[in-house]
Amino acid sequence: VAAITRDSAGTPIIVVRHEGDLMSVYTNLGDVAVAKGDSVS
């Protein structure tokens, strides 16, 4: 987990960094179960 931010409405945005210069981005979440720096599978 590279970043957890919020948009202007306060909605969480999660960014996960993967191998090969790839990142996945997830928004419109109501609840977050990870923290910045966590390793995820």
PDB file of all heavy atoms in Angstrom:
ATOM      1  N   VAL A   1       0.866  -1.178   0.000  1.00  0.00           N
ATOM      2  CA  VAL A   1       0.000   0.000   0.000  1.00  0.00           C
ATOM      3  C   VAL A   1       0.906   1.232   0.000  1.00  0.00           C
ATOM      4  O   VAL A   1       1.615   1.498   0.970  1.00  0.00           O
ATOM      5  CB  VAL A   1      -0.950   0.014   1.218  1.00  0.00           C
ATOM      6  CG1 VAL A   1      -1.812   1.269   1.213  1.00  0.00           C
ATOM      7  CG2 VAL A   1      -1.824  -1.244   1.234  1.00  0.00           C
ATOM      8  N   ALA A   2       0.910   1.941  -1.129  1.00  0.00           N
ATOM      9  CA  ALA A   2       1.790   3.093  -1.307  1.00  0.00           C
ATOM     10  C   ALA A   2       1.175   4.369  -0.752  1.00  0.00           C
ATOM     11  O   ALA A   2       1.895   5.265  -0.306  1.00  0.00           O
ATOM     12  CB  ALA A   2       2.120   3.283  -2.787  1.00  0.00           C
ATOM     13  N   ALA A   3      -0.155   4.473  -0.791  1.00  0.00           N
ATOM     14  CA  ALA A   3      -0.814   5.692  -0.321  1.00  0.00           C
ATOM     15  C   ALA A   3      -2.276   5.409  -0.015  1.00  0.00           C
ATOM     16  O   ALA A   3      -2.903   4.565  -0.650  1.00  0.00           O
ATOM     17  CB  ALA A   3      -0.727   6.789  -1.380  1.00  0.00           C
ATOM     18  N   ILE A   4      -2.776   6.124   0.966  1.00  0.00           N
ATOM     19  CA  ILE A   4      -4.210   6.185   1.231  1.00  0.00           C
ATOM     20  C   ILE A   4      -4.518   7.659   1.425  1.00  0.00           C
ATOM     21  O   ILE A   4      -3.989   8.307   2.333  1.00  0.00           O
ATOM     22  CB  ILE A   4      -4.620   5.384   2.478  1.00  0.00           C
ATOM     23  CG1 ILE A   4      -4.264   3.908   2.292  1.00  0.00           C
ATOM     24  CG2 ILE A   4      -6.115   5.554   2.748  1.00  0.00           C
ATOM     25  CD1 ILE A   4      -4.545   3.046   3.507  1.00  0.00           C
ATOM     26  N   THR A   5      -5.315   8.189   0.513  1.00  0.00           N
ATOM     27  CA  THR A   5      -5.680   9.603   0.579  1.00  0.00           C
ATOM     28  C   THR A   5      -7.196   9.701   0.520  1.00  0.00           C
ATOM     29  O   THR A   5      -7.894   8.696   0.518  1.00  0.00           O
ATOM     30  CB  THR A   5      -5.050  10.395  -0.588  1.00  0.00           C
ATOM     31  OG1 THR A   5      -5.521   9.868  -1.823  1.00  0.00           O
ATOM     32  CG2 THR A   5      -3.530  10.315  -0.558  1.00  0.00           C
ATOM     33  N   ARG A   6      -7.699  10.910   0.436  1.00  0.00           N
ATOM     34  CA  ARG A   6      -9.142  11.135   0.325  1.00  0.00           C
ATOM     35  C   ARG A   6      -9.389  12.188  -0.740  1.00  0.00           C
ATOM     36  O   ARG A   6      -8.595  13.116  -0.889  1.00  0.00           O
ATOM     37  CB  ARG A   6      -9.725  11.595   1.651  1.00  0.00           C
ATOM     38  CG  ARG A   6      -9.643  10.488   2.712  1.00  0.00           C
ATOM     39  CD  ARG A   6     -10.362  10.862   3.987  1.00  0.00           C
ATOM     40  NE  ARG A   6     -10.286   9.772   4.941  1.00  0.00           N
ATOM     41  CZ  ARG A   6     -11.175   8.792   5.028  1.00  0.00           C
ATOM     42  NH1 ARG A   6     -12.211   8.774   4.231  1.00  0.00           N
ATOM     43  NH2 ARG A   6     -11.030   7.832   5.907  1.00  0.00           N
ATOM     44  N   ASP A   7     -10.494  12.026  -1.468  1.00  0.00           N
ATOM     45  CA  ASP A   7     -10.853  13.037  -2.454  1.00  0.00           C
ATOM     46  C   ASP A   7     -11.508  14.220  -1.744  1.00  0.00           C
ATOM     47  O   ASP A   7     -11.615  14.236  -0.515  1.00  0.00           O
ATOM     48  CB  ASP A   7     -11.730  12.454  -3.565  1.00  0.00           C
ATOM     49  CG  ASP A   7     -13.107  12.000  -3.101  1.00  0.00           C
ATOM     50  OD1 ASP A   7     -13.535  12.357  -1.980  1.00  0.00           O
ATOM     51  OD2 ASP A   7     -13.770  11.291  -3.872  1.00  0.00           O
ATOM     52  N   SER A   8     -11.960  15.204  -2.502  1.00  0.00           N
ATOM     53  CA  SER A   8     -12.514  16.424  -1.900  1.00  0.00           C
ATOM     54  C   SER A   8     -13.789  16.159  -1.098  1.00  0.00           C
ATOM     55  O   SER A   8     -14.148  16.943  -0.230  1.00  0.00           O
ATOM     56  CB  SER A   8     -12.786  17.478  -2.979  1.00  0.00           C
ATOM     57  OG  SER A   8     -13.700  16.964  -3.934  1.00  0.00           O
ATOM     58  N   ALA A   9     -14.463  15.029  -1.355  1.00  0.00           N
ATOM     59  CA  ALA A   9     -15.667  14.669  -0.593  1.00  0.00           C
ATOM     60  C   ALA A   9     -15.329  13.801   0.622  1.00  0.00           C
ATOM     61  O   ALA A   9     -16.210  13.405   1.365  1.00  0.00           O
ATOM     62  CB  ALA A   9     -16.646  13.933  -1.495  1.00  0.00           C
ATOM     63  N   GLY A  10     -14.042  13.487   0.797  1.00  0.00           N
ATOM     64  CA  GLY A  10     -13.616  12.668   1.931  1.00  0.00           C
ATOM     65  C   GLY A  10     -13.640  11.173   1.657  1.00  0.00           C
ATOM     66  O   GLY A  10     -13.436  10.378   2.564  1.00  0.00           O
ATOM     67  N   THR A  11     -13.868  10.775   0.409  1.00  0.00           N
ATOM     68  CA  THR A  11     -13.916   9.360   0.042  1.00  0.00           C
ATOM     69  C   THR A  11     -12.495   8.807  -0.074  1.00  0.00           C
ATOM     70  O   THR A  11     -11.661   9.401  -0.750  1.00  0.00           O
ATOM     71  CB  THR A  11     -14.651   9.183  -1.306  1.00  0.00           C
ATOM     72  OG1 THR A  11     -15.940   9.791  -1.202  1.00  0.00           O
ATOM     73  CG2 THR A  11     -14.784   7.723  -1.677  1.00  0.00           C
ATOM     74  N   PRO A  12     -12.219   7.657   0.567  1.00  0.00           N
ATOM     75  CA  PRO A  12     -10.868   7.100   0.519  1.00  0.00           C
ATOM     76  C   PRO A  12     -10.426   6.682  -0.882  1.00  0.00           C
ATOM     77  O   PRO A  12     -11.231   6.218  -1.689  1.00  0.00           O
ATOM     78  CB  PRO A  12     -10.966   5.859   1.417  1.00  0.00           C
ATOM     79  CG  PRO A  12     -12.152   6.088   2.284  1.00  0.00           C
ATOM     80  CD  PRO A  12     -13.105   6.881   1.446  1.00  0.00           C
ATOM     81  N   ILE A  13      -9.136   6.861  -1.134  1.00  0.00           N
ATOM     82  CA  ILE A  13      -8.465   6.404  -2.348  1.00  0.00           C
ATOM     83  C   ILE A  13      -7.265   5.578  -1.892  1.00  0.00           C
ATOM     84  O   ILE A  13      -6.437   6.059  -1.120  1.00  0.00           O
ATOM     85  CB  ILE A  13      -7.963   7.587  -3.202  1.00  0.00           C
ATOM     86  CG1 ILE A  13      -9.128   8.502  -3.595  1.00  0.00           C
ATOM     87  CG2 ILE A  13      -7.209   7.084  -4.425  1.00  0.00           C
ATOM     88  CD1 ILE A  13      -8.683   9.829  -4.179  1.00  0.00           C
ATOM     89  N   ILE A  14      -7.192   4.326  -2.362  1.00  0.00           N
ATOM     90  CA  ILE A  14      -6.081   3.442  -1.997  1.00  0.00           C
ATOM     91  C   ILE A  14      -5.226   3.197  -3.236  1.00  0.00           C
ATOM     92  O   ILE A  14      -5.758   2.886  -4.306  1.00  0.00           O
ATOM     93  CB  ILE A  14      -6.590   2.096  -1.448  1.00  0.00           C
ATOM     94  CG1 ILE A  14      -7.410   2.319  -0.175  1.00  0.00           C
ATOM     95  CG2 ILE A  14      -5.417   1.148  -1.182  1.00  0.00           C
ATOM     96  CD1 ILE A  14      -8.056   1.052   0.363  1.00  0.00           C
ATOM     97  N   VAL A  15      -3.910   3.313  -3.090  1.00  0.00           N
ATOM     98  CA  VAL A  15      -2.969   3.023  -4.169  1.00  0.00           C
ATOM     99  C   VAL A  15      -2.055   1.891  -3.704  1.00  0.00           C
ATOM    100  O   VAL A  15      -1.425   1.998  -2.654  1.00  0.00           O
ATOM    101  CB  VAL A  15      -2.117   4.265  -4.536  1.00  0.00           C
ATOM    102  CG1 VAL A  15      -1.123   3.927  -5.640  1.00  0.00           C
ATOM    103  CG2 VAL A  15      -3.007   5.436  -4.923  1.00  0.00           C
ATOM    104  N   VAL A  16      -2.026   0.799  -4.488  1.00  0.00           N
ATOM    105  CA  VAL A  16      -1.147  -0.331  -4.198  1.00  0.00           C
ATOM    106  C   VAL A  16      -0.076  -0.386  -5.278  1.00  0.00           C
ATOM    107  O   VAL A  16      -0.386  -0.370  -6.471  1.00  0.00           O
ATOM    108  CB  VAL A  16      -1.942  -1.661  -4.147  1.00  0.00           C
ATOM    109  CG1 VAL A  16      -0.995  -2.839  -3.908  1.00  0.00           C
ATOM    110  CG2 VAL A  16      -3.018  -1.608  -3.067  1.00  0.00           C
ATOM    111  N   ARG A  17       1.183  -0.439  -4.860  1.00  0.00           N
ATOM    112  CA  ARG A  17       2.315  -0.530  -5.795  1.00  0.00           C
ATOM    113  C   ARG A  17       2.661  -2.008  -5.985  1.00  0.00           C
ATOM    114  O   ARG A  17       2.829  -2.742  -5.016  1.00  0.00           O
ATOM    115  CB  ARG A  17       3.524   0.219  -5.251  1.00  0.00           C
ATOM    116  CG  ARG A  17       4.687   0.264  -6.225  1.00  0.00           C
ATOM    117  CD  ARG A  17       5.870   1.069  -5.689  1.00  0.00           C
ATOM    118  NE  ARG A  17       5.497   2.348  -5.135  1.00  0.00           N
ATOM    119  CZ  ARG A  17       5.278   3.470  -5.827  1.00  0.00           C
ATOM    120  NH1 ARG A  17       5.388   3.443  -7.137  1.00  0.00           N
ATOM    121  NH2 ARG A  17       4.960   4.590  -5.227  1.00  0.00           N
ATOM    122  N   HIS A  18       2.777  -2.420  -7.259  1.00  0.00           N
ATOM    123  CA  HIS A  18       3.093  -3.796  -7.625  1.00  0.00           C
ATOM    124  C   HIS A  18       4.430  -3.819  -8.362  1.00  0.00           C
ATOM    125  O   HIS A  18       4.946  -2.774  -8.766  1.00  0.00           O
ATOM    126  CB  HIS A  18       2.005  -4.365  -8.550  1.00  0.00           C
ATOM    127  CG  HIS A  18       0.622  -4.211  -8.010  1.00  0.00           C
ATOM    128  ND1 HIS A  18       0.080  -5.084  -7.087  1.00  0.00           N
ATOM    129  CD2 HIS A  18      -0.336  -3.276  -8.254  1.00  0.00           C
ATOM    130  CE1 HIS A  18      -1.155  -4.699  -6.796  1.00  0.00           C
ATOM    131  NE2 HIS A  18      -1.430  -3.601  -7.485  1.00  0.00           N
ATOM    132  N   GLU A  19       4.950  -5.017  -8.589  1.00  0.00           N
ATOM    133  CA  GLU A  19       6.186  -5.156  -9.367  1.00  0.00           C
ATOM    134  C   GLU A  19       5.986  -4.628 -10.779  1.00  0.00           C
ATOM    135  O   GLU A  19       4.859  -4.542 -11.272  1.00  0.00           O
ATOM    136  CB  GLU A  19       6.597  -6.627  -9.437  1.00  0.00           C
ATOM    137  CG  GLU A  19       7.131  -7.163  -8.133  1.00  0.00           C
ATOM    138  CD  GLU A  19       7.661  -8.577  -8.283  1.00  0.00           C
ATOM    139  OE1 GLU A  19       8.025  -8.992  -9.409  1.00  0.00           O
ATOM    140  OE2 GLU A  19       7.713  -9.278  -7.269  1.00  0.00           O
ATOM    141  N   GLY A  20       7.073  -4.283 -11.442  1.00  0.00           N
ATOM    142  CA  GLY A  20       7.025  -3.867 -12.838  1.00  0.00           C
ATOM    143  C   GLY A  20       6.472  -2.480 -13.051  1.00  0.00           C
ATOM    144  O   GLY A  20       5.879  -2.212 -14.088  1.00  0.00           O
ATOM    145  N   ASP A  21       6.631  -1.585 -12.075  1.00  0.00           N
ATOM    146  CA  ASP A  21       6.176  -0.197 -12.194  1.00  0.00           C
ATOM    147  C   ASP A  21       4.657  -0.088 -12.340  1.00  0.00           C
ATOM    148  O   ASP A  21       4.150   0.858 -12.931  1.00  0.00           O
ATOM    149  CB  ASP A  21       6.885   0.491 -13.373  1.00  0.00           C
ATOM    150  CG  ASP A  21       6.833   2.011 -13.294  1.00  0.00           C
ATOM    151  OD1 ASP A  21       6.758   2.547 -12.167  1.00  0.00           O
ATOM    152  OD2 ASP A  21       6.849   2.657 -14.352  1.00  0.00           O
ATOM    153  N   LEU A  22       3.917  -1.096 -11.844  1.00  0.00           N
ATOM    154  CA  LEU A  22       2.463  -1.063 -11.897  1.00  0.00           C
ATOM    155  C   LEU A  22       1.878  -0.601 -10.568  1.00  0.00           C
ATOM    156  O   LEU A  22       2.431  -0.900  -9.508  1.00  0.00           O
ATOM    157  CB  LEU A  22       1.896  -2.454 -12.217  1.00  0.00           C
ATOM    158  CG  LEU A  22       2.162  -3.004 -13.599  1.00  0.00           C
ATOM    159  CD1 LEU A  22       1.633  -4.437 -13.696  1.00  0.00           C
ATOM    160  CD2 LEU A  22       1.526  -2.126 -14.666  1.00  0.00           C
ATOM    161  N   MET A  23       0.759   0.093 -10.650  1.00  0.00           N
ATOM    162  CA  MET A  23       0.012   0.492  -9.462  1.00  0.00           C
ATOM    163  C   MET A  23      -1.460   0.220  -9.725  1.00  0.00           C
ATOM    164  O   MET A  23      -1.935   0.368 -10.852  1.00  0.00           O
ATOM    165  CB  MET A  23       0.209   1.975  -9.154  1.00  0.00           C
ATOM    166  CG  MET A  23       1.615   2.304  -8.709  1.00  0.00           C
ATOM    167  SD  MET A  23       1.799   4.007  -8.218  1.00  0.00           S
ATOM    168  CE  MET A  23       1.767   4.806  -9.812  1.00  0.00           C
ATOM    169  N   SER A  24      -2.186  -0.185  -8.696  1.00  0.00           N
ATOM    170  CA  SER A  24      -3.641  -0.298  -8.803  1.00  0.00           C
ATOM    171  C   SER A  24      -4.246   0.745  -7.872  1.00  0.00           C
ATOM    172  O   SER A  24      -3.728   1.001  -6.785  1.00  0.00           O
ATOM    173  CB  SER A  24      -4.129  -1.711  -8.471  1.00  0.00           C
ATOM    174  OG  SER A  24      -3.655  -2.160  -7.224  1.00  0.00           O
ATOM    175  N   VAL A  25      -5.330   1.365  -8.345  1.00  0.00           N
ATOM    176  CA  VAL A  25      -5.980   2.455  -7.620  1.00  0.00           C
ATOM    177  C   VAL A  25      -7.437   2.072  -7.402  1.00  0.00           C
ATOM    178  O   VAL A  25      -8.115   1.608  -8.328  1.00  0.00           O
ATOM    179  CB  VAL A  25      -5.893   3.775  -8.422  1.00  0.00           C
ATOM    180  CG1 VAL A  25      -6.542   4.916  -7.656  1.00  0.00           C
ATOM    181  CG2 VAL A  25      -4.439   4.105  -8.765  1.00  0.00           C
ATOM    182  N   TYR A  26      -7.928   2.275  -6.190  1.00  0.00           N
ATOM    183  CA  TYR A  26      -9.283   1.919  -5.804  1.00  0.00           C
ATOM    184  C   TYR A  26      -9.920   3.131  -5.129  1.00  0.00           C
ATOM    185  O   TYR A  26      -9.348   3.678  -4.183  1.00  0.00           O
ATOM    186  CB  TYR A  26      -9.274   0.760  -4.793  1.00  0.00           C
ATOM    187  CG  TYR A  26      -8.408  -0.406  -5.222  1.00  0.00           C
ATOM    188  CD1 TYR A  26      -7.017  -0.367  -5.064  1.00  0.00           C
ATOM    189  CD2 TYR A  26      -8.967  -1.539  -5.788  1.00  0.00           C
ATOM    190  CE1 TYR A  26      -6.222  -1.423  -5.457  1.00  0.00           C
ATOM    191  CE2 TYR A  26      -8.173  -2.607  -6.187  1.00  0.00           C
ATOM    192  CZ  TYR A  26      -6.810  -2.542  -6.017  1.00  0.00           C
ATOM    193  OH  TYR A  26      -6.022  -3.598  -6.412  1.00  0.00           O
ATOM    194  N   THR A  27     -11.101   3.554  -5.623  1.00  0.00           N
ATOM    195  CA  THR A  27     -11.805   4.670  -4.985  1.00  0.00           C
ATOM    196  C   THR A  27     -13.277   4.317  -4.812  1.00  0.00           C
ATOM    197  O   THR A  27     -13.757   3.325  -5.341  1.00  0.00           O
ATOM    198  CB  THR A  27     -11.680   5.976  -5.788  1.00  0.00           C
ATOM    199  OG1 THR A  27     -12.345   5.819  -7.037  1.00  0.00           O
ATOM    200  CG2 THR A  27     -10.240   6.360  -6.015  1.00  0.00           C
ATOM    201  N   ASN A  28     -13.976   5.154  -4.099  1.00  0.00           N
ATOM    202  CA  ASN A  28     -15.385   4.983  -3.713  1.00  0.00           C
ATOM    203  C   ASN A  28     -15.545   3.909  -2.655  1.00  0.00           C
ATOM    204  O   ASN A  28     -16.560   3.232  -2.597  1.00  0.00           O
ATOM    205  CB  ASN A  28     -16.294   4.710  -4.914  1.00  0.00           C
ATOM    206  CG  ASN A  28     -16.465   5.936  -5.773  1.00  0.00           C
ATOM    207  OD1 ASN A  28     -16.404   7.057  -5.273  1.00  0.00           O
ATOM    208  ND2 ASN A  28     -16.658   5.741  -7.058  1.00  0.00           N
ATOM    209  N   LEU A  29     -14.538   3.749  -1.821  1.00  0.00           N
ATOM    210  CA  LEU A  29     -14.639   2.837  -0.694  1.00  0.00           C
ATOM    211  C   LEU A  29     -15.311   3.560   0.469  1.00  0.00           C
ATOM    212  O   LEU A  29     -15.154   4.770   0.646  1.00  0.00           O
ATOM    213  CB  LEU A  29     -13.252   2.354  -0.250  1.00  0.00           C
ATOM    214  CG  LEU A  29     -12.662   1.198  -1.065  1.00  0.00           C
ATOM    215  CD1 LEU A  29     -12.220   1.661  -2.420  1.00  0.00           C
ATOM    216  CD2 LEU A  29     -11.532   0.577  -0.318  1.00  0.00           C
ATOM    217  N   GLY A  30     -16.048   2.803   1.261  1.00  0.00           N
ATOM    218  CA  GLY A  30     -16.673   3.364   2.446  1.00  0.00           C
ATOM    219  C   GLY A  30     -15.891   3.023   3.699  1.00  0.00           C
ATOM    220  O   GLY A  30     -16.005   3.678   4.726  1.00  0.00           O
ATOM    221  N   ASP A  31     -15.085   1.973   3.615  1.00  0.00           N
ATOM    222  CA  ASP A  31     -14.317   1.503   4.763  1.00  0.00           C
ATOM    223  C   ASP A  31     -12.971   1.012   4.253  1.00  0.00           C
ATOM    224  O   ASP A  31     -12.901   0.399   3.188  1.00  0.00           O
ATOM    225  CB  ASP A  31     -15.073   0.363   5.453  1.00  0.00           C
ATOM    226  CG  ASP A  31     -14.365  -0.162   6.684  1.00  0.00           C
ATOM    227  OD1 ASP A  31     -13.881   0.660   7.481  1.00  0.00           O
ATOM    228  OD2 ASP A  31     -14.284  -1.395   6.843  1.00  0.00           O
ATOM    229  N   VAL A  32     -11.913   1.269   4.998  1.00  0.00           N
ATOM    230  CA  VAL A  32     -10.559   0.861   4.613  1.00  0.00           C
ATOM    231  C   VAL A  32     -10.024  -0.108   5.661  1.00  0.00           C
ATOM    232  O   VAL A  32     -10.116   0.155   6.857  1.00  0.00           O
ATOM    233  CB  VAL A  32      -9.628   2.092   4.503  1.00  0.00           C
ATOM    234  CG1 VAL A  32      -8.197   1.682   4.248  1.00  0.00           C
ATOM    235  CG2 VAL A  32     -10.127   3.030   3.415  1.00  0.00           C
ATOM    236  N   ALA A  33      -9.457  -1.243   5.195  1.00  0.00           N
ATOM    237  CA  ALA A  33      -8.967  -2.278   6.103  1.00  0.00           C
ATOM    238  C   ALA A  33      -7.446  -2.401   6.105  1.00  0.00           C
ATOM    239  O   ALA A  33      -6.908  -3.332   6.699  1.00  0.00           O
ATOM    240  CB  ALA A  33      -9.592  -3.622   5.726  1.00  0.00           C
ATOM    241  N   VAL A  34      -6.742  -1.502   5.421  1.00  0.00           N
ATOM    242  CA  VAL A  34      -5.284  -1.543   5.344  1.00  0.00           C
ATOM    243  C   VAL A  34      -4.725  -0.172   5.719  1.00  0.00           C
ATOM    244  O   VAL A  34      -5.462   0.805   5.822  1.00  0.00           O
ATOM    245  CB  VAL A  34      -4.803  -1.939   3.922  1.00  0.00           C
ATOM    246  CG1 VAL A  34      -5.181  -3.376   3.606  1.00  0.00           C
ATOM    247  CG2 VAL A  34      -5.350  -0.988   2.866  1.00  0.00           C
ATOM    248  N   ALA A  35      -3.415  -0.126   5.895  1.00  0.00           N
ATOM    249  CA  ALA A  35      -2.738   1.132   6.206  1.00  0.00           C
ATOM    250  C   ALA A  35      -1.568   1.318   5.245  1.00  0.00           C
ATOM    251  O   ALA A  35      -1.052   0.338   4.678  1.00  0.00           O
ATOM    252  CB  ALA A  35      -2.220   1.124   7.649  1.00  0.00           C
ATOM    253  N   LYS A  36      -1.154   2.552   5.061  1.00  0.00           N
ATOM    254  CA  LYS A  36      -0.002   2.840   4.213  1.00  0.00           C
ATOM    255  C   LYS A  36       1.188   2.015   4.693  1.00  0.00           C
ATOM    256  O   LYS A  36       1.455   1.925   5.892  1.00  0.00           O
ATOM    257  CB  LYS A  36       0.334   4.330   4.258  1.00  0.00           C
ATOM    258  CG  LYS A  36       1.490   4.696   3.363  1.00  0.00           C
ATOM    259  CD  LYS A  36       1.786   6.166   3.398  1.00  0.00           C
ATOM    260  CE  LYS A  36       3.007   6.463   2.539  1.00  0.00           C
ATOM    261  NZ  LYS A  36       3.370   7.876   2.568  1.00  0.00           N
ATOM    262  N   GLY A  37       1.877   1.388   3.740  1.00  0.00           N
ATOM    263  CA  GLY A  37       3.048   0.579   4.056  1.00  0.00           C
ATOM    264  C   GLY A  37       2.751  -0.902   4.231  1.00  0.00           C
ATOM    265  O   GLY A  37       3.664  -1.722   4.230  1.00  0.00           O
ATOM    266  N   ASP A  38       1.465  -1.266   4.375  1.00  0.00           N
ATOM    267  CA  ASP A  38       1.100  -2.679   4.524  1.00  0.00           C
ATOM    268  C   ASP A  38       1.448  -3.453   3.257  1.00  0.00           C
ATOM    269  O   ASP A  38       1.256  -2.958   2.145  1.00  0.00           O
ATOM    270  CB  ASP A  38      -0.400  -2.850   4.766  1.00  0.00           C
ATOM    271  CG  ASP A  38      -0.838  -2.495   6.176  1.00  0.00           C
ATOM    272  OD1 ASP A  38       0.024  -2.192   7.022  1.00  0.00           O
ATOM    273  OD2 ASP A  38      -2.066  -2.522   6.414  1.00  0.00           O
ATOM    274  N   SER A  39       1.925  -4.680   3.418  1.00  0.00           N
ATOM    275  CA  SER A  39       2.075  -5.604   2.303  1.00  0.00           C
ATOM    276  C   SER A  39       0.745  -6.325   2.144  1.00  0.00           C
ATOM    277  O   SER A  39       0.136  -6.727   3.138  1.00  0.00           O
ATOM    278  CB  SER A  39       3.176  -6.623   2.581  1.00  0.00           C
ATOM    279  OG  SER A  39       4.438  -5.980   2.565  1.00  0.00           O
ATOM    280  N   VAL A  40       0.292  -6.465   0.895  1.00  0.00           N
ATOM    281  CA  VAL A  40      -0.966  -7.157   0.626  1.00  0.00           C
ATOM    282  C   VAL A  40      -0.736  -8.249  -0.400  1.00  0.00           C
ATOM    283  O   VAL A  40       0.185  -8.167  -1.217  1.00  0.00           O
ATOM    284  CB  VAL A  40      -2.073  -6.185   0.130  1.00  0.00           C
ATOM    285  CG1 VAL A  40      -2.422  -5.180   1.212  1.00  0.00           C
ATOM    286  CG2 VAL A  40      -1.680  -5.474  -1.144  1.00  0.00           C
ATOM    287  N   SER A  41      -1.561  -9.269  -0.351  1.00  0.00           N
ATOM    288  CA  SER A  41      -1.493 -10.344  -1.336  1.00  0.00           C
ATOM    289  C   SER A  41      -2.699 -10.251  -2.257  1.00  0.00           C
ATOM    290  O   SER A  41      -3.704  -9.616  -1.926  1.00  0.00           O
ATOM    291  CB  SER A  41      -1.443 -11.705  -0.639  1.00  0.00           C
ATOM    292  OG  SER A  41      -2.549 -11.853   0.226  1.00  0.00           O
TER     293      SER A  41
END
